[in-house]
Amino acid sequence: MKKFLVLYNAPQSAQSQMAESSPEAAQEGMKAWMEWASRAGSGIVDMGQPLGAGKEVSQSGTSDTNASVGGYGILQAEDMDGALALLDGHPHLMMPGASIQVFEALDLPGM
């Protein structure tokens, strides 16, 4: 099985979404995520979690990042098509402007 990094993108940060959600909306959101997790089953390696504000590090220094990444997860599947199938009907996509990026984790010889 191959592993896939899943990045959850949204126009609003995960922190502000959670702060603005009512307890009822948060509960409904968690229910939708758990239903998706049940369908994805053993394809989930790590459910991941929301991400807070980030930093970008380069040779010239450190700065705030303006990336729209609000969370991550790790899946496993035979191939990219299998990973994408696991994301069918994902509750993150119910959020206006949201998207999901999927990257295959490549094996490095000698590691």
PDB file of N, CA and C in Angstrom:
ATOM      1  N   MET A   1       0.836  -1.182   0.000  1.00  0.00           N
ATOM      2  CA  MET A   1       0.000   0.000   0.000  1.00  0.00           C
ATOM      3  C   MET A   1       0.881   1.245   0.000  1.00  0.00           C
ATOM      4  N   LYS A   2       0.428   2.226  -0.723  1.00  0.00           N
ATOM      5  CA  LYS A   2       1.124   3.509  -0.760  1.00  0.00           C
ATOM      6  C   LYS A   2       0.463   4.458   0.239  1.00  0.00           C
ATOM      7  N   LYS A   3       1.238   5.427   0.702  1.00  0.00           N
ATOM      8  CA  LYS A   3       0.701   6.431   1.620  1.00  0.00           C
ATOM      9  C   LYS A   3       0.510   7.744   0.876  1.00  0.00           C
ATOM     10  N   PHE A   4      -0.495   8.503   1.328  1.00  0.00           N
ATOM     11  CA  PHE A   4      -0.850   9.764   0.690  1.00  0.00           C
ATOM     12  C   PHE A   4      -1.069  10.831   1.755  1.00  0.00           C
ATOM     13  N   LEU A   5      -0.419  11.975   1.555  1.00  0.00           N
ATOM     14  CA  LEU A   5      -0.625  13.127   2.423  1.00  0.00           C
ATOM     15  C   LEU A   5      -1.828  13.897   1.898  1.00  0.00           C
ATOM     16  N   VAL A   6      -2.761  14.185   2.775  1.00  0.00           N
ATOM     17  CA  VAL A   6      -3.966  14.921   2.419  1.00  0.00           C
ATOM     18  C   VAL A   6      -3.897  16.282   3.109  1.00  0.00           C
ATOM     19  N   LEU A   7      -4.021  17.350   2.326  1.00  0.00           N
ATOM     20  CA  LEU A   7      -4.041  18.703   2.880  1.00  0.00           C
ATOM     21  C   LEU A   7      -5.422  19.299   2.654  1.00  0.00           C
ATOM     22  N   TYR A   8      -6.025  19.741   3.738  1.00  0.00           N
ATOM     23  CA  TYR A   8      -7.349  20.344   3.682  1.00  0.00           C
ATOM     24  C   TYR A   8      -7.190  21.858   3.581  1.00  0.00           C
ATOM     25  N   ASN A   9      -7.659  22.431   2.483  1.00  0.00           N
ATOM     26  CA  ASN A   9      -7.555  23.868   2.236  1.00  0.00           C
ATOM     27  C   ASN A   9      -8.916  24.523   2.418  1.00  0.00           C
ATOM     28  N   ALA A  10      -8.892  25.736   2.961  1.00  0.00           N
ATOM     29  CA  ALA A  10     -10.128  26.493   3.154  1.00  0.00           C
ATOM     30  C   ALA A  10      -9.799  27.978   3.174  1.00  0.00           C
ATOM     31  N   PRO A  11     -10.745  28.799   2.745  1.00  0.00           N
ATOM     32  CA  PRO A  11     -10.500  30.237   2.744  1.00  0.00           C
ATOM     33  C   PRO A  11     -10.463  30.842   4.149  1.00  0.00           C
ATOM     34  N   GLN A  12     -10.946  30.108   5.130  1.00  0.00           N
ATOM     35  CA  GLN A  12     -10.975  30.581   6.513  1.00  0.00           C
ATOM     36  C   GLN A  12     -10.143  29.624   7.354  1.00  0.00           C
ATOM     37  N   SER A  13      -9.355  30.126   8.288  1.00  0.00           N
ATOM     38  CA  SER A  13      -8.503  29.262   9.095  1.00  0.00           C
ATOM     39  C   SER A  13      -9.339  28.323   9.957  1.00  0.00           C
ATOM     40  N   ALA A  14      -8.754  27.175  10.265  1.00  0.00           N
ATOM     41  CA  ALA A  14      -9.434  26.202  11.117  1.00  0.00           C
ATOM     42  C   ALA A  14      -9.743  26.809  12.482  1.00  0.00           C
ATOM     43  N   GLN A  15      -8.827  27.625  12.992  1.00  0.00           N
ATOM     44  CA  GLN A  15      -9.050  28.248  14.296  1.00  0.00           C
ATOM     45  C   GLN A  15     -10.272  29.161  14.275  1.00  0.00           C
ATOM     46  N   SER A  16     -10.394  29.987  13.244  1.00  0.00           N
ATOM     47  CA  SER A  16     -11.538  30.901  13.203  1.00  0.00           C
ATOM     48  C   SER A  16     -12.838  30.152  12.926  1.00  0.00           C
ATOM     49  N   GLN A  17     -12.770  29.078  12.136  1.00  0.00           N
ATOM     50  CA  GLN A  17     -13.975  28.271  11.904  1.00  0.00           C
ATOM     51  C   GLN A  17     -14.485  27.689  13.209  1.00  0.00           C
ATOM     52  N   MET A  18     -13.564  27.119  13.994  1.00  0.00           N
ATOM     53  CA  MET A  18     -13.962  26.505  15.256  1.00  0.00           C
ATOM     54  C   MET A  18     -14.496  27.556  16.227  1.00  0.00           C
ATOM     55  N   ALA A  19     -13.875  28.727  16.246  1.00  0.00           N
ATOM     56  CA  ALA A  19     -14.309  29.790  17.154  1.00  0.00           C
ATOM     57  C   ALA A  19     -15.703  30.296  16.799  1.00  0.00           C
ATOM     58  N   GLU A  20     -16.038  30.285  15.516  1.00  0.00           N
ATOM     59  CA  GLU A  20     -17.325  30.813  15.063  1.00  0.00           C
ATOM     60  C   GLU A  20     -18.445  29.775  15.062  1.00  0.00           C
ATOM     61  N   SER A  21     -18.117  28.508  15.241  1.00  0.00           N
ATOM     62  CA  SER A  21     -19.129  27.449  15.199  1.00  0.00           C
ATOM     63  C   SER A  21     -19.893  27.367  16.510  1.00  0.00           C
ATOM     64  N   SER A  22     -21.188  27.160  16.391  1.00  0.00           N
ATOM     65  CA  SER A  22     -21.988  26.890  17.584  1.00  0.00           C
ATOM     66  C   SER A  22     -21.673  25.465  18.035  1.00  0.00           C
ATOM     67  N   PRO A  23     -21.933  25.135  19.285  1.00  0.00           N
ATOM     68  CA  PRO A  23     -21.704  23.758  19.740  1.00  0.00           C
ATOM     69  C   PRO A  23     -22.469  22.737  18.895  1.00  0.00           C
ATOM     70  N   GLU A  24     -23.671  23.105  18.466  1.00  0.00           N
ATOM     71  CA  GLU A  24     -24.476  22.190  17.650  1.00  0.00           C
ATOM     72  C   GLU A  24     -23.842  21.973  16.282  1.00  0.00           C
ATOM     73  N   ALA A  25     -23.365  23.058  15.668  1.00  0.00           N
ATOM     74  CA  ALA A  25     -22.716  22.945  14.360  1.00  0.00           C
ATOM     75  C   ALA A  25     -21.424  22.152  14.472  1.00  0.00           C
ATOM     76  N   ALA A  26     -20.676  22.371  15.541  1.00  0.00           N
ATOM     77  CA  ALA A  26     -19.438  21.623  15.754  1.00  0.00           C
ATOM     78  C   ALA A  26     -19.737  20.134  15.912  1.00  0.00           C
ATOM     79  N   GLN A  27     -20.796  19.815  16.634  1.00  0.00           N
ATOM     80  CA  GLN A  27     -21.183  18.420  16.836  1.00  0.00           C
ATOM     81  C   GLN A  27     -21.604  17.777  15.512  1.00  0.00           C
ATOM     82  N   GLU A  28     -22.372  18.493  14.703  1.00  0.00           N
ATOM     83  CA  GLU A  28     -22.783  17.978  13.395  1.00  0.00           C
ATOM     84  C   GLU A  28     -21.574  17.771  12.488  1.00  0.00           C
ATOM     85  N   GLY A  29     -20.639  18.719  12.520  1.00  0.00           N
ATOM     86  CA  GLY A  29     -19.423  18.588  11.727  1.00  0.00           C
ATOM     87  C   GLY A  29     -18.618  17.368  12.136  1.00  0.00           C
ATOM     88  N   MET A  30     -18.474  17.155  13.437  1.00  0.00           N
ATOM     89  CA  MET A  30     -17.725  15.996  13.927  1.00  0.00           C
ATOM     90  C   MET A  30     -18.437  14.704  13.541  1.00  0.00           C
ATOM     91  N   LYS A  31     -19.750  14.707  13.585  1.00  0.00           N
ATOM     92  CA  LYS A  31     -20.520  13.518  13.188  1.00  0.00           C
ATOM     93  C   LYS A  31     -20.255  13.187  11.720  1.00  0.00           C
ATOM     94  N   ALA A  32     -20.251  14.202  10.855  1.00  0.00           N
ATOM     95  CA  ALA A  32     -19.985  13.977   9.428  1.00  0.00           C
ATOM     96  C   ALA A  32     -18.582  13.422   9.217  1.00  0.00           C
ATOM     97  N   TRP A  33     -17.604  13.954   9.952  1.00  0.00           N
ATOM     98  CA  TRP A  33     -16.229  13.447   9.830  1.00  0.00           C
ATOM     99  C   TRP A  33     -16.142  11.994  10.287  1.00  0.00           C
ATOM    100  N   MET A  34     -16.811  11.645  11.368  1.00  0.00           N
ATOM    101  CA  MET A  34     -16.745  10.277  11.876  1.00  0.00           C
ATOM    102  C   MET A  34     -17.463   9.312  10.935  1.00  0.00           C
ATOM    103  N   GLU A  35     -18.536   9.754  10.291  1.00  0.00           N
ATOM    104  CA  GLU A  35     -19.202   8.912   9.294  1.00  0.00           C
ATOM    105  C   GLU A  35     -18.282   8.677   8.104  1.00  0.00           C
ATOM    106  N   TRP A  36     -17.567   9.727   7.668  1.00  0.00           N
ATOM    107  CA  TRP A  36     -16.603   9.559   6.579  1.00  0.00           C
ATOM    108  C   TRP A  36     -15.505   8.590   7.014  1.00  0.00           C
ATOM    109  N   ALA A  37     -14.998   8.748   8.226  1.00  0.00           N
ATOM    110  CA  ALA A  37     -13.926   7.878   8.719  1.00  0.00           C
ATOM    111  C   ALA A  37     -14.379   6.423   8.749  1.00  0.00           C
ATOM    112  N   SER A  38     -15.619   6.195   9.108  1.00  0.00           N
ATOM    113  CA  SER A  38     -16.154   4.841   9.130  1.00  0.00           C
ATOM    114  C   SER A  38     -16.174   4.247   7.722  1.00  0.00           C
ATOM    115  N   ARG A  39     -16.559   5.058   6.732  1.00  0.00           N
ATOM    116  CA  ARG A  39     -16.570   4.580   5.339  1.00  0.00           C
ATOM    117  C   ARG A  39     -15.152   4.328   4.827  1.00  0.00           C
ATOM    118  N   ALA A  40     -14.217   5.203   5.183  1.00  0.00           N
ATOM    119  CA  ALA A  40     -12.836   5.077   4.692  1.00  0.00           C
ATOM    120  C   ALA A  40     -12.107   3.925   5.374  1.00  0.00           C
ATOM    121  N   GLY A  41     -12.500   3.598   6.580  1.00  0.00           N
ATOM    122  CA  GLY A  41     -11.967   2.440   7.289  1.00  0.00           C
ATOM    123  C   GLY A  41     -10.455   2.393   7.382  1.00  0.00           C
ATOM    124  N   SER A  42      -9.896   1.245   6.967  1.00  0.00           N
ATOM    125  CA  SER A  42      -8.452   1.028   7.090  1.00  0.00           C
ATOM    126  C   SER A  42      -7.645   1.870   6.110  1.00  0.00           C
ATOM    127  N   GLY A  43      -8.318   2.615   5.243  1.00  0.00           N
ATOM    128  CA  GLY A  43      -7.607   3.530   4.354  1.00  0.00           C
ATOM    129  C   GLY A  43      -7.051   4.737   5.091  1.00  0.00           C
ATOM    130  N   ILE A  44      -7.504   4.941   6.323  1.00  0.00           N
ATOM    131  CA  ILE A  44      -7.001   6.056   7.125  1.00  0.00           C
ATOM    132  C   ILE A  44      -5.822   5.574   7.958  1.00  0.00           C
ATOM    133  N   VAL A  45      -4.664   6.183   7.739  1.00  0.00           N
ATOM    134  CA  VAL A  45      -3.479   5.903   8.551  1.00  0.00           C
ATOM    135  C   VAL A  45      -3.465   6.841   9.753  1.00  0.00           C
ATOM    136  N   ASP A  46      -3.769   8.110   9.504  1.00  0.00           N
ATOM    137  CA  ASP A  46      -3.782   9.142  10.542  1.00  0.00           C
ATOM    138  C   ASP A  46      -4.894  10.125  10.183  1.00  0.00           C
ATOM    139  N   MET A  47      -5.901  10.253  11.043  1.00  0.00           N
ATOM    140  CA  MET A  47      -6.992  11.197  10.787  1.00  0.00           C
ATOM    141  C   MET A  47      -6.465  12.616  10.663  1.00  0.00           C
ATOM    142  N   GLY A  48      -5.298  12.875  11.245  1.00  0.00           N
ATOM    143  CA  GLY A  48      -4.745  14.216  11.213  1.00  0.00           C
ATOM    144  C   GLY A  48      -5.464  15.108  12.196  1.00  0.00           C
ATOM    145  N   GLN A  49      -5.341  16.407  11.967  1.00  0.00           N
ATOM    146  CA  GLN A  49      -6.004  17.369  12.832  1.00  0.00           C
ATOM    147  C   GLN A  49      -5.928  18.750  12.209  1.00  0.00           C
ATOM    148  N   PRO A  50      -6.703  19.694  12.747  1.00  0.00           N
ATOM    149  CA  PRO A  50      -6.627  21.058  12.229  1.00  0.00           C
ATOM    150  C   PRO A  50      -5.252  21.655  12.499  1.00  0.00           C
ATOM    151  N   LEU A  51      -4.891  22.630  11.691  1.00  0.00           N
ATOM    152  CA  LEU A  51      -3.612  23.322  11.848  1.00  0.00           C
ATOM    153  C   LEU A  51      -3.856  24.786  12.181  1.00  0.00           C
ATOM    154  N   GLY A  52      -3.002  25.326  13.024  1.00  0.00           N
ATOM    155  CA  GLY A  52      -3.052  26.745  13.357  1.00  0.00           C
ATOM    156  C   GLY A  52      -2.197  27.538  12.387  1.00  0.00           C
ATOM    157  N   ALA A  53      -1.921  28.773  12.744  1.00  0.00           N
ATOM    158  CA  ALA A  53      -1.098  29.649  11.910  1.00  0.00           C
ATOM    159  C   ALA A  53       0.282  29.031  11.712  1.00  0.00           C
ATOM    160  N   GLY A  54       0.847  29.220  10.525  1.00  0.00           N
ATOM    161  CA  GLY A  54       2.134  28.625  10.215  1.00  0.00           C
ATOM    162  C   GLY A  54       3.206  29.654   9.920  1.00  0.00           C
ATOM    163  N   LYS A  55       4.414  29.170   9.801  1.00  0.00           N
ATOM    164  CA  LYS A  55       5.574  29.985   9.448  1.00  0.00           C
ATOM    165  C   LYS A  55       6.238  29.368   8.230  1.00  0.00           C
ATOM    166  N   GLU A  56       6.858  30.207   7.451  1.00  0.00           N
ATOM    167  CA  GLU A  56       7.635  29.762   6.299  1.00  0.00           C
ATOM    168  C   GLU A  56       9.100  30.060   6.587  1.00  0.00           C
ATOM    169  N   VAL A  57       9.940  29.045   6.443  1.00  0.00           N
ATOM    170  CA  VAL A  57      11.366  29.176   6.717  1.00  0.00           C
ATOM    171  C   VAL A  57      12.121  29.089   5.402  1.00  0.00           C
ATOM    172  N   SER A  58      12.981  30.062   5.147  1.00  0.00           N
ATOM    173  CA  SER A  58      13.813  30.062   3.944  1.00  0.00           C
ATOM    174  C   SER A  58      15.215  30.520   4.332  1.00  0.00           C
ATOM    175  N   GLN A  59      16.118  30.534   3.366  1.00  0.00           N
ATOM    176  CA  GLN A  59      17.479  30.988   3.648  1.00  0.00           C
ATOM    177  C   GLN A  59      17.507  32.438   4.104  1.00  0.00           C
ATOM    178  N   SER A  60      16.524  33.212   3.687  1.00  0.00           N
ATOM    179  CA  SER A  60      16.512  34.630   4.055  1.00  0.00           C
ATOM    180  C   SER A  60      15.803  34.901   5.383  1.00  0.00           C
ATOM    181  N   GLY A  61      15.254  33.872   6.013  1.00  0.00           N
ATOM    182  CA  GLY A  61      14.625  34.069   7.311  1.00  0.00           C
ATOM    183  C   GLY A  61      13.293  33.375   7.448  1.00  0.00           C
ATOM    184  N   THR A  62      12.524  33.843   8.400  1.00  0.00           N
ATOM    185  CA  THR A  62      11.232  33.252   8.730  1.00  0.00           C
ATOM    186  C   THR A  62      10.144  34.310   8.593  1.00  0.00           C
ATOM    187  N   SER A  63       9.016  33.898   8.033  1.00  0.00           N
ATOM    188  CA  SER A  63       7.895  34.822   7.875  1.00  0.00           C
ATOM    189  C   SER A  63       6.586  34.072   8.086  1.00  0.00           C
ATOM    190  N   ASP A  64       5.521  34.841   8.301  1.00  0.00           N
ATOM    191  CA  ASP A  64       4.198  34.229   8.393  1.00  0.00           C
ATOM    192  C   ASP A  64       3.846  33.644   7.033  1.00  0.00           C
ATOM    193  N   THR A  65       3.126  32.544   7.048  1.00  0.00           N
ATOM    194  CA  THR A  65       2.680  31.954   5.793  1.00  0.00           C
ATOM    195  C   THR A  65       1.226  32.352   5.552  1.00  0.00           C
ATOM    196  N   ASN A  66       0.894  32.555   4.311  1.00  0.00           N
ATOM    197  CA  ASN A  66      -0.492  32.885   3.984  1.00  0.00           C
ATOM    198  C   ASN A  66      -1.185  31.702   3.325  1.00  0.00           C
ATOM    199  N   ALA A  67      -0.647  30.513   3.523  1.00  0.00           N
ATOM    200  CA  ALA A  67      -1.227  29.306   2.941  1.00  0.00           C
ATOM    201  C   ALA A  67      -2.621  29.067   3.511  1.00  0.00           C
ATOM    202  N   SER A  68      -3.462  28.473   2.709  1.00  0.00           N
ATOM    203  CA  SER A  68      -4.834  28.197   3.129  1.00  0.00           C
ATOM    204  C   SER A  68      -4.986  26.791   3.702  1.00  0.00           C
ATOM    205  N   VAL A  69      -3.874  26.152   4.059  1.00  0.00           N
ATOM    206  CA  VAL A  69      -3.933  24.800   4.611  1.00  0.00           C
ATOM    207  C   VAL A  69      -4.481  24.886   6.031  1.00  0.00           C
ATOM    208  N   GLY A  70      -5.584  24.194   6.254  1.00  0.00           N
ATOM    209  CA  GLY A  70      -6.228  24.233   7.560  1.00  0.00           C
ATOM    210  C   GLY A  70      -6.155  22.924   8.317  1.00  0.00           C
ATOM    211  N   GLY A  71      -5.615  21.882   7.675  1.00  0.00           N
ATOM    212  CA  GLY A  71      -5.516  20.594   8.337  1.00  0.00           C
ATOM    213  C   GLY A  71      -4.837  19.584   7.438  1.00  0.00           C
ATOM    214  N   TYR A  72      -4.570  18.409   7.999  1.00  0.00           N
ATOM    215  CA  TYR A  72      -3.900  17.355   7.243  1.00  0.00           C
ATOM    216  C   TYR A  72      -4.442  15.995   7.666  1.00  0.00           C
ATOM    217  N   GLY A  73      -4.122  14.991   6.881  1.00  0.00           N
ATOM    218  CA  GLY A  73      -4.407  13.608   7.203  1.00  0.00           C
ATOM    219  C   GLY A  73      -3.480  12.732   6.382  1.00  0.00           C
ATOM    220  N   ILE A  74      -3.430  11.457   6.700  1.00  0.00           N
ATOM    221  CA  ILE A  74      -2.625  10.503   5.933  1.00  0.00           C
ATOM    222  C   ILE A  74      -3.500   9.298   5.616  1.00  0.00           C
ATOM    223  N   LEU A  75      -3.559   8.968   4.330  1.00  0.00           N
ATOM    224  CA  LEU A  75      -4.330   7.818   3.856  1.00  0.00           C
ATOM    225  C   LEU A  75      -3.395   6.764   3.292  1.00  0.00           C
ATOM    226  N   GLN A  76      -3.922   5.555   3.122  1.00  0.00           N
ATOM    227  CA  GLN A  76      -3.195   4.520   2.398  1.00  0.00           C
ATOM    228  C   GLN A  76      -4.130   3.886   1.382  1.00  0.00           C
ATOM    229  N   ALA A  77      -3.557   3.607   0.211  1.00  0.00           N
ATOM    230  CA  ALA A  77      -4.333   3.004  -0.872  1.00  0.00           C
ATOM    231  C   ALA A  77      -3.357   2.380  -1.859  1.00  0.00           C
ATOM    232  N   GLU A  78      -3.885   1.596  -2.785  1.00  0.00           N
ATOM    233  CA  GLU A  78      -3.044   0.961  -3.801  1.00  0.00           C
ATOM    234  C   GLU A  78      -2.428   1.982  -4.744  1.00  0.00           C
ATOM    235  N   ASP A  79      -3.186   3.039  -5.048  1.00  0.00           N
ATOM    236  CA  ASP A  79      -2.708   4.053  -5.995  1.00  0.00           C
ATOM    237  C   ASP A  79      -3.489   5.347  -5.765  1.00  0.00           C
ATOM    238  N   MET A  80      -3.160   6.372  -6.548  1.00  0.00           N
ATOM    239  CA  MET A  80      -3.815   7.672  -6.394  1.00  0.00           C
ATOM    240  C   MET A  80      -5.323   7.561  -6.586  1.00  0.00           C
ATOM    241  N   ASP A  81      -5.763   6.768  -7.552  1.00  0.00           N
ATOM    242  CA  ASP A  81      -7.204   6.615  -7.766  1.00  0.00           C
ATOM    243  C   ASP A  81      -7.887   6.063  -6.520  1.00  0.00           C
ATOM    244  N   GLY A  82      -7.230   5.114  -5.868  1.00  0.00           N
ATOM    245  CA  GLY A  82      -7.779   4.558  -4.632  1.00  0.00           C
ATOM    246  C   GLY A  82      -7.850   5.591  -3.521  1.00  0.00           C
ATOM    247  N   ALA A  83      -6.820   6.434  -3.425  1.00  0.00           N
ATOM    248  CA  ALA A  83      -6.817   7.498  -2.415  1.00  0.00           C
ATOM    249  C   ALA A  83      -7.938   8.495  -2.694  1.00  0.00           C
ATOM    250  N   LEU A  84      -8.102   8.849  -3.959  1.00  0.00           N
ATOM    251  CA  LEU A  84      -9.163   9.793  -4.323  1.00  0.00           C
ATOM    252  C   LEU A  84     -10.540   9.205  -4.040  1.00  0.00           C
ATOM    253  N   ALA A  85     -10.696   7.910  -4.257  1.00  0.00           N
ATOM    254  CA  ALA A  85     -11.976   7.256  -3.974  1.00  0.00           C
ATOM    255  C   ALA A  85     -12.307   7.331  -2.483  1.00  0.00           C
ATOM    256  N   LEU A  86     -11.285   7.241  -1.630  1.00  0.00           N
ATOM    257  CA  LEU A  86     -11.514   7.351  -0.190  1.00  0.00           C
ATOM    258  C   LEU A  86     -12.062   8.725   0.194  1.00  0.00           C
ATOM    259  N   LEU A  87     -11.758   9.733  -0.611  1.00  0.00           N
ATOM    260  CA  LEU A  87     -12.180  11.103  -0.312  1.00  0.00           C
ATOM    261  C   LEU A  87     -13.540  11.458  -0.905  1.00  0.00           C
ATOM    262  N   ASP A  88     -14.152  10.525  -1.612  1.00  0.00           N
ATOM    263  CA  ASP A  88     -15.463  10.777  -2.202  1.00  0.00           C
ATOM    264  C   ASP A  88     -16.472  11.108  -1.102  1.00  0.00           C
ATOM    265  N   GLY A  89     -17.166  12.215  -1.248  1.00  0.00           N
ATOM    266  CA  GLY A  89     -18.157  12.615  -0.257  1.00  0.00           C
ATOM    267  C   GLY A  89     -17.570  13.132   1.045  1.00  0.00           C
ATOM    268  N   HIS A  90     -16.312  13.556   1.023  1.00  0.00           N
ATOM    269  CA  HIS A  90     -15.651  14.023   2.251  1.00  0.00           C
ATOM    270  C   HIS A  90     -16.351  15.271   2.795  1.00  0.00           C
ATOM    271  N   PRO A  91     -16.595  15.325   4.108  1.00  0.00           N
ATOM    272  CA  PRO A  91     -17.322  16.454   4.685  1.00  0.00           C
ATOM    273  C   PRO A  91     -16.588  17.795   4.582  1.00  0.00           C
ATOM    274  N   HIS A  92     -15.281  17.791   4.420  1.00  0.00           N
ATOM    275  CA  HIS A  92     -14.551  19.060   4.282  1.00  0.00           C
ATOM    276  C   HIS A  92     -15.053  19.835   3.070  1.00  0.00           C
ATOM    277  N   LEU A  93     -15.479  19.109   2.046  1.00  0.00           N
ATOM    278  CA  LEU A  93     -15.899  19.756   0.805  1.00  0.00           C
ATOM    279  C   LEU A  93     -17.268  20.426   0.908  1.00  0.00           C
ATOM    280  N   MET A  94     -17.950  20.260   2.028  1.00  0.00           N
ATOM    281  CA  MET A  94     -19.227  20.950   2.237  1.00  0.00           C
ATOM    282  C   MET A  94     -19.000  22.432   2.550  1.00  0.00           C
ATOM    283  N   MET A  95     -17.791  22.778   2.966  1.00  0.00           N
ATOM    284  CA  MET A  95     -17.470  24.163   3.309  1.00  0.00           C
ATOM    285  C   MET A  95     -17.268  24.979   2.033  1.00  0.00           C
ATOM    286  N   PRO A  96     -17.916  26.126   1.903  1.00  0.00           N
ATOM    287  CA  PRO A  96     -17.742  26.948   0.696  1.00  0.00           C
ATOM    288  C   PRO A  96     -16.270  27.303   0.460  1.00  0.00           C
ATOM    289  N   GLY A  97     -15.812  27.087  -0.765  1.00  0.00           N
ATOM    290  CA  GLY A  97     -14.446  27.430  -1.131  1.00  0.00           C
ATOM    291  C   GLY A  97     -13.393  26.435  -0.697  1.00  0.00           C
ATOM    292  N   ALA A  98     -13.799  25.346  -0.073  1.00  0.00           N
ATOM    293  CA  ALA A  98     -12.838  24.360   0.423  1.00  0.00           C
ATOM    294  C   ALA A  98     -12.361  23.443  -0.696  1.00  0.00           C
ATOM    295  N   SER A  99     -11.152  22.917  -0.524  1.00  0.00           N
ATOM    296  CA  SER A  99     -10.609  21.924  -1.449  1.00  0.00           C
ATOM    297  C   SER A  99      -9.695  20.987  -0.674  1.00  0.00           C
ATOM    298  N   ILE A 100      -9.348  19.893  -1.322  1.00  0.00           N
ATOM    299  CA  ILE A 100      -8.452  18.905  -0.724  1.00  0.00           C
ATOM    300  C   ILE A 100      -7.337  18.626  -1.722  1.00  0.00           C
ATOM    301  N   GLN A 101      -6.097  18.683  -1.248  1.00  0.00           N
ATOM    302  CA  GLN A 101      -4.948  18.309  -2.074  1.00  0.00           C
ATOM    303  C   GLN A 101      -4.454  16.950  -1.599  1.00  0.00           C
ATOM    304  N   VAL A 102      -4.022  16.114  -2.543  1.00  0.00           N
ATOM    305  CA  VAL A 102      -3.533  14.779  -2.219  1.00  0.00           C
ATOM    306  C   VAL A 102      -2.169  14.594  -2.871  1.00  0.00           C
ATOM    307  N   PHE A 103      -1.197  14.141  -2.077  1.00  0.00           N
ATOM    308  CA  PHE A 103       0.157  13.911  -2.566  1.00  0.00           C
ATOM    309  C   PHE A 103       0.599  12.503  -2.189  1.00  0.00           C
ATOM    310  N   GLU A 104       1.145  11.769  -3.160  1.00  0.00           N
ATOM    311  CA  GLU A 104       1.692  10.451  -2.857  1.00  0.00           C
ATOM    312  C   GLU A 104       3.028  10.612  -2.147  1.00  0.00           C
ATOM    313  N   ALA A 105       3.208   9.884  -1.053  1.00  0.00           N
ATOM    314  CA  ALA A 105       4.486   9.862  -0.344  1.00  0.00           C
ATOM    315  C   ALA A 105       5.383   8.862  -1.070  1.00  0.00           C
ATOM    316  N   LEU A 106       6.510   9.337  -1.567  1.00  0.00           N
ATOM    317  CA  LEU A 106       7.412   8.495  -2.345  1.00  0.00           C
ATOM    318  C   LEU A 106       8.452   7.842  -1.450  1.00  0.00           C
ATOM    319  N   ASP A 107       8.783   6.602  -1.769  1.00  0.00           N
ATOM    320  CA  ASP A 107       9.832   5.902  -1.041  1.00  0.00           C
ATOM    321  C   ASP A 107      11.187   6.445  -1.459  1.00  0.00           C
ATOM    322  N   LEU A 108      12.080   6.588  -0.481  1.00  0.00           N
ATOM    323  CA  LEU A 108      13.447   6.994  -0.770  1.00  0.00           C
ATOM    324  C   LEU A 108      14.351   5.788  -0.582  1.00  0.00           C
ATOM    325  N   PRO A 109      15.149   5.454  -1.584  1.00  0.00           N
ATOM    326  CA  PRO A 109      16.069   4.328  -1.431  1.00  0.00           C
ATOM    327  C   PRO A 109      17.001   4.558  -0.241  1.00  0.00           C
ATOM    328  N   GLY A 110      17.202   3.533   0.538  1.00  0.00           N
ATOM    329  CA  GLY A 110      18.116   3.616   1.663  1.00  0.00           C
ATOM    330  C   GLY A 110      17.511   4.183   2.930  1.00  0.00           C
ATOM    331  N   MET A 111      16.223   4.483   2.912  1.00  0.00           N
ATOM    332  CA  MET A 111      15.594   5.024   4.132  1.00  0.00           C
ATOM    333  C   MET A 111      14.500   4.098   4.610  1.00  0.00           C
TER     334      MET A 111
END
